[in-house]
Amino acid sequence: MNAKIDLPGHAQYPHLFSPLDLGHTQLRNRCIMGSMHTGLEELPDGFERMAAFYAERAAGDVGMIITGGISPNEEGGMAITDEQGNPLASASKLNTQEEAAGHRMVTDAVHEAAPDCKICLQILHMGALAYNEGAVAPSPVRSRIGAFSPAELDEEGIEKQIADHAYCATLAKQSGYDGVEIIGSAGYLLSTFLVEKTNQRTDQWGGSYENRMRFSVEVIRRVREAVGKDFIVIFRIAAMDMLEGGMSWEEIALLAKAVEQAGASMISTHFVWHEAQVPTIATMVPRRAFTGVTKRVRGEVSVPVITSNRINMPDVAEAVLADGDADLVSMARPMLADAELVKKAAEGRTEEINTCIACNQACLDHAFAGKTTSCLVNPRACHETVLNWGPTEQPKNIAVVGAGPAGLAYATVAAERGHAVTLYDAADEIGGQFNLAKQVPGKEEFHETIRYYRAMMTKYQVTMCLGQRVDAQALVDAGFDHVVVATGISPRAPDISGIDHDKVVGYIDAIRGNKPIGEKVAVIGAGGIGFDVTELITHQGKSSALDIELFAKEWGVDFDNHPRGGVTGVEPVVNKADREVWLMQRKDTPVGRGLGKTTGWTKRILLNRRGVNMVNAVEYVRIDDSGLHVLIGGQPKTFEVDTVIICAGQVPERGLYDDLMIKGVSADLIGGAFEAVELDAKTAINQATHLAAAV
């Protein structure tokens, strides 16, 4: 360890801030911004926006950046369009000189922002997962989540794919990149050669494992041959693919050694195929859950090894490195949440880090829906050229009423710009609905967002008046120039006979434990809140999000013995409360259909394993001593429950705003008070940030 101890964080996190010598070059620290597709790649001004996005992270002191995936050819990317020919998904590739010139804009921006920051292009051939009618794979096996059945590559086609990878790497070097990462995991092209169920060939590229790994090894060999010695070549390996019948530990170790021998500078460990049914990056996953697997890979090779997944704070990264689990730590979404994460850690400003809470709502959910990626807690992410603010030229005296996510976001940005901000809330603590979310097992990360905003209130000298309910006249009397009403929502009481029965409990009381919950429970409303409440009342014991061993048992992962895929032959063991629950909705669509694309399936699986009964197309009739009376398909049914928990939506609390309008006060209405659709912190923080940037 040769790190120079010249900043508080260097002493606090000595492993994290130790440089890494690669022979031909050096990384300034052990923190990597991992690859994540942003959607900027396909925009008309995408190169300009990528340049600003990555440059800001480089200036934030990250040691190396790996870009979002770029295909080496047309068939390896996404090319779905709507009826008008507009792209619905990614079509980013690098196989022409014109595209190389665009990428030069990105690398120049990064190196200008931080000359000692390295940037590598991820070469991503999607194989059977390509949204492309020309999709190719080792065998014509359609993925469970694939849009098309891929064509089987013949010998000439295999040679083309290898050559295209090598040429893409050559263009990347020409474009000013310091290296490339070749992804050999997740169900993309290289990984489908490795696994028997997707590689059914009998020639030199299939059959034995030595043949099945030949494609990956040859790609690395040819890439190294094309770019020379003084260029970083990273291979991203599926260290545990979470597939029944997936790769064995012995096969992973053999592959790691082979790609090192073929010329890889580093190996980056990845976990899970996209079609596997084990969560790896959702907020319910414990921090550093998979780094022990990386440690095993590290023991097999001599090149540096990178670990990833659910590492979101510098103390976690430091512990991973200190324990010898990896040589470098990759953080992708945490760099969306805070471009200055590493810089703040170095300067001893850890409390000011805007922590990734792994909600996926604005990042991966956007990416898989063909939208531009951003971040729930940081709406500037991927919008650096369109959402900016500086010191105000006309400081105002602003009141913000409501210390939930919207009010806190507004107060932070407005105060940072130099406005005098007074924040009111009737509660004794900041956080609003986040204080409910943090009580749900698997959502403990919401504590971090509240901690961040608390630090921002102190840093920007926001006057906080907590435990104070303020009315319009008091605000007028105080002489504020502008008032922001962020008073949030009230739970909606559905029009059901007996809604005031003793059996009925609101979701706020249920989460806070204010009222007893019986042994037989009906939950009315199967949106995000309904699922959260059901998770809470069916949960038994410690949260598995806080315990790797519990998480592994709950999801059927064997980290100790590493069977094929890490999951083959392993039965999940779910700790569930001794309670019978019916989760209901009016809609006739499957329960949970409207949840987030990348996290909803985890919640459905978990509650199904706990025996939760999910009922759709329900017409609620009445609640009485007998229970909940409903109609299902026109047929009457009575659920003989002890408790009925209401999770039936919200209504905005905008009475204060209406009073201010009557008095002619300059005011804005934001967050749930503006529009109460579920509890949408993403929209609330985004709206508040834009308004505060313009005030």
Foldseek 3Di string as FASTA:
>chain_A
DDFDQDAPLCVVQVQQQDKADLPLAIFRGQEEAEEADFLLLPDPCSLVLLQLQLQLLLLLVGREYEYHEAELDQQQAELDDPPVRHGQADRGHDPDLVVLQSLLSNLVSNCVSPVRHAYAYEHFRQALQYNDQAHEACPQDHDPPHPYRYDHADPVRLVVRLVSLQSSQLSNVVSNHQAYEYECAQNGHNVLLQACVSHVDDDQSDDDNVSSNVSVLSSLLSNCVSPDQRGAYEYEAALFAQDARAAFNVSRLVSLASNVVSPHQEYEYDHHHLRHQADFAALLAAAPLCLQSQQVSCVSDDHFYEYETRHWASVSQSVSVVVSSGSHYHHHVSCLQPSNRVVCSRNVNRLQRRTASRNCPQGVLQNVSSHGGHGLNGRCNSVVPPFDFAADPDAFAEEEEAQALLSLLLQLLLLRNPHAYEYEYLAQAHHVCLVLQCLFQSRVCSVSNSSNSVVSCVVSVHHYHYNDDDFQVNVVVVPGQEYEYAPAWDFDQDPAAASVPPQEDELVCLSVVVDDFDQEEEEEDQDPSLLRSLSRQFADDDRCNHPSVLSCQQRQAQPPNRGRSRHHPGDRDGDTDNHAYEYEYQAPDFRQPPDRPSCSSSSVVSVVVSVHHYYYNWAWHHQDCQGTWIAHPNRIDGRRGSHYYYPPWIAADCPRVVVNVVVVHHYHYFANNVPTDPRRSSRRSNVSSRVSSVD
